[in-house]
Amino acid sequence: RDAIACFEAALQIEPASRRASAEADICRRSLAEQRAIADRTAALLAEARKAAAAKQWPAAIALCSDVLALDSHAEEARTLQRKAVDAMEAEAQERRAGCERALARAEASLRKKRFDDATLELTRARELDPDAAGLRALEDRLRVAVAESVRETRSAQEAADAIAAARRAFS
């Protein structure tokens, strides 16, 4: 802006100066480009704030990256990006902890042969962290325990039927 003012002052003194006119035009184009970048940066930053307010952390991070690509000195974008990364990490940690609690409850239910409760907790664990360590192994143990319980139930029923038949035959 200062350069434009200086070139315009030079043009007041020497209106035919091609150099002053050309330099003023270059400065005006540069100023227009800077305004366009500033406007785009402000729009992206506003979108990033909205994404962060909605807890859409990946979008907020990407938008802040776009802002920083346009203006590497945009401290608000850098701060918001750090906040979004920290929030994502905290949410992931909470999901992992919730998954671990669900796995522990599933394990306890399995030991008590409460298979429906164990299945419910394993479903919760899978929703929280599908790649959790021990999830597949516990699911396999549940399947084996359920199959064994079914076999035991059948065997007990067959034994009860045999005893009932023997009692009928004896009487």
Protein backbone atom coordinates (compact mmCIF):
# COMPACT_ATOMS: atom_id res chain seq x y z
CA ARG A 1 0.00 0.00 0.00
CA ASP A 2 2.81 2.35 0.86
CA ALA A 3 4.55 1.58 -2.44
CA ILE A 4 1.36 2.26 -4.39
CA ALA A 5 1.01 5.60 -2.64
CA CYS A 6 4.62 6.44 -3.50
CA PHE A 7 4.21 5.46 -7.17
CA GLU A 8 0.98 7.48 -7.37
CA ALA A 9 2.82 10.44 -5.87
CA ALA A 10 5.53 9.97 -8.51
CA LEU A 11 2.83 9.86 -11.19
CA GLN A 12 1.42 13.16 -9.83
CA ILE A 13 4.83 14.67 -10.41
CA GLU A 14 5.57 12.85 -13.70
CA PRO A 15 2.26 11.55 -15.19
CA ALA A 16 4.00 10.07 -18.26
CA SER A 17 6.37 7.83 -16.25
CA ARG A 18 5.90 4.34 -17.61
CA ARG A 19 8.05 2.84 -14.92
CA ALA A 20 6.03 4.38 -12.06
CA SER A 21 2.79 3.32 -13.75
CA ALA A 22 4.01 -0.25 -14.31
CA GLU A 23 5.33 -0.57 -10.76
CA ALA A 24 2.06 0.76 -9.33
CA ASP A 25 0.14 -1.83 -11.39
CA ILE A 26 2.42 -4.62 -10.12
CA CYS A 27 1.84 -3.48 -6.55
CA ARG A 28 -1.95 -3.34 -7.09
CA ARG A 29 -1.97 -6.90 -8.50
CA SER A 30 0.17 -8.08 -5.61
CA LEU A 31 -2.14 -6.39 -3.12
CA ALA A 32 -5.20 -7.99 -4.79
CA GLU A 33 -3.52 -11.42 -4.61
CA GLN A 34 -2.71 -10.87 -0.94
CA ARG A 35 -6.32 -9.90 -0.24
CA ALA A 36 -7.56 -13.00 -2.06
CA ILE A 37 -5.22 -15.18 -0.01
CA ALA A 38 -6.29 -13.44 3.20
CA ASP A 39 -9.96 -13.92 2.30
CA ARG A 40 -9.41 -17.60 1.47
CA THR A 41 -7.44 -18.07 4.69
CA ALA A 42 -10.20 -16.44 6.74
CA ALA A 43 -12.87 -18.62 5.08
CA LEU A 44 -10.86 -21.81 5.67
CA LEU A 45 -10.20 -20.83 9.27
CA ALA A 46 -13.92 -20.20 9.82
CA GLU A 47 -14.68 -23.66 8.40
CA ALA A 48 -12.00 -25.16 10.64
CA ARG A 49 -13.57 -23.51 13.70
CA LYS A 50 -16.98 -24.93 12.73
CA ALA A 51 -15.52 -28.39 12.22
CA ALA A 52 -13.80 -28.22 15.60
CA ALA A 53 -17.00 -27.04 17.29
CA ALA A 54 -18.75 -30.08 15.77
CA LYS A 55 -15.86 -32.31 16.93
CA GLN A 56 -15.07 -33.25 13.34
CA TRP A 57 -11.39 -33.43 14.13
CA PRO A 58 -10.01 -34.83 10.84
CA ALA A 59 -11.81 -32.09 8.88
CA ALA A 60 -10.56 -29.41 11.29
CA ILE A 61 -7.00 -30.70 10.95
CA ALA A 62 -7.18 -30.75 7.15
CA LEU A 63 -8.65 -27.24 7.00
CA CYS A 64 -5.96 -25.91 9.35
CA SER A 65 -3.33 -27.52 7.13
CA ASP A 66 -4.82 -25.68 4.16
CA VAL A 67 -4.71 -22.41 6.12
CA LEU A 68 -1.08 -22.99 7.08
CA ALA A 69 -0.20 -23.78 3.47
CA LEU A 70 -1.50 -20.34 2.53
CA ASP A 71 -0.15 -18.53 5.61
CA SER A 72 2.54 -20.30 7.58
CA HIS A 73 2.26 -17.64 10.32
CA ALA A 74 -1.44 -18.28 11.09
CA GLU A 75 -1.10 -19.01 14.81
CA GLU A 76 -4.81 -19.59 15.33
CA ALA A 77 -4.74 -22.34 12.71
CA ARG A 78 -1.68 -23.91 14.32
CA THR A 79 -3.31 -23.77 17.76
CA LEU A 80 -6.61 -25.16 16.49
CA GLN A 81 -4.80 -27.95 14.66
CA ARG A 82 -2.93 -28.93 17.84
CA LYS A 83 -6.21 -28.88 19.76
CA ALA A 84 -7.84 -31.14 17.16
CA VAL A 85 -4.94 -33.60 17.19
CA ASP A 86 -4.97 -33.69 20.99
CA ALA A 87 -8.74 -34.21 21.03
CA MET A 88 -8.49 -37.06 18.51
CA GLU A 89 -5.80 -38.72 20.60
CA ALA A 90 -7.86 -38.29 23.79
CA GLU A 91 -10.94 -39.76 22.12
CA ALA A 92 -8.93 -42.69 20.79
CA GLN A 93 -7.49 -43.29 24.26
CA GLU A 94 -10.99 -43.18 25.77
CA ARG A 95 -12.24 -45.66 23.16
CA ARG A 96 -9.34 -48.00 23.94
CA ALA A 97 -10.04 -47.73 27.69
CA GLY A 98 -13.76 -48.35 27.10
CA CYS A 99 -12.88 -51.34 24.98
CA GLU A 100 -10.62 -52.72 27.69
CA ARG A 101 -13.43 -52.33 30.25
CA ALA A 102 -15.89 -54.07 27.90
CA LEU A 103 -13.41 -56.91 27.36
CA ALA A 104 -12.95 -57.29 31.12
CA ARG A 105 -16.74 -57.45 31.61
CA ALA A 106 -16.99 -59.97 28.75
CA GLU A 107 -14.30 -62.10 30.38
CA ALA A 108 -16.14 -62.00 33.73
CA SER A 109 -19.44 -62.91 32.07
CA LEU A 110 -17.78 -65.76 30.21
CA ARG A 111 -16.38 -67.17 33.48
CA LYS A 112 -19.89 -67.03 34.95
CA LYS A 113 -21.28 -68.70 31.79
CA ARG A 114 -23.45 -65.68 31.10
CA PHE A 115 -22.95 -65.97 27.37
CA ASP A 116 -25.50 -63.34 26.29
CA ASP A 117 -23.85 -60.74 28.53
CA ALA A 118 -20.42 -61.75 27.23
CA THR A 119 -21.64 -61.42 23.64
CA LEU A 120 -23.08 -57.97 24.35
CA GLU A 121 -19.81 -56.78 25.90
CA LEU A 122 -17.78 -58.17 23.01
CA THR A 123 -20.02 -56.27 20.61
CA ARG A 124 -19.39 -53.07 22.58
CA ALA A 125 -15.65 -53.75 22.56
CA ARG A 126 -15.66 -54.33 18.78
CA GLU A 127 -17.56 -51.05 18.22
CA LEU A 128 -15.01 -49.15 20.31
CA ASP A 129 -11.87 -50.76 18.89
CA PRO A 130 -12.28 -53.44 16.22
CA ASP A 131 -8.54 -54.19 16.32
CA ALA A 132 -8.24 -54.52 20.09
CA ALA A 133 -5.71 -57.01 21.35
CA GLY A 134 -7.40 -60.08 22.72
CA LEU A 135 -10.78 -59.37 21.13
CA ARG A 136 -10.65 -62.21 18.61
CA ALA A 137 -9.22 -64.64 21.14
CA LEU A 138 -12.02 -63.88 23.59
CA GLU A 139 -14.61 -64.25 20.83
CA ASP A 140 -13.11 -67.64 19.97
CA ARG A 141 -13.18 -68.68 23.63
CA LEU A 142 -16.83 -67.59 23.83
CA ARG A 143 -17.72 -69.67 20.76
CA VAL A 144 -15.97 -72.70 22.24
CA ALA A 145 -17.68 -72.19 25.62
CA VAL A 146 -21.10 -71.83 24.00
CA ALA A 147 -20.53 -74.97 21.91
CA GLU A 148 -19.36 -76.85 25.00
CA SER A 149 -22.38 -75.63 26.96
CA VAL A 150 -24.70 -76.80 24.18
CA ARG A 151 -22.97 -80.22 24.19
CA GLU A 152 -23.26 -80.43 27.98
CA THR A 153 -26.92 -79.45 27.83
CA ARG A 154 -27.61 -82.10 25.18
CA SER A 155 -25.68 -84.68 27.14
CA ALA A 156 -27.54 -83.81 30.33
CA GLN A 157 -30.85 -83.96 28.48
CA GLU A 158 -29.96 -87.33 26.98
CA ALA A 159 -28.98 -88.60 30.42
CA ALA A 160 -32.22 -87.28 31.92
CA ASP A 161 -34.20 -88.90 29.10
CA ALA A 162 -32.38 -92.19 29.67
CA ILE A 163 -33.03 -92.05 33.40
CA ALA A 164 -36.69 -91.24 32.80
CA ALA A 165 -36.97 -94.15 30.36
CA ALA A 166 -35.26 -96.47 32.85
CA ARG A 167 -37.66 -95.38 35.62
CA ARG A 168 -40.64 -95.94 33.36
CA ALA A 169 -39.30 -99.37 32.44
CA PHE A 170 -38.65 -100.22 36.09
CA SER A 171 -42.10 -99.15 37.19
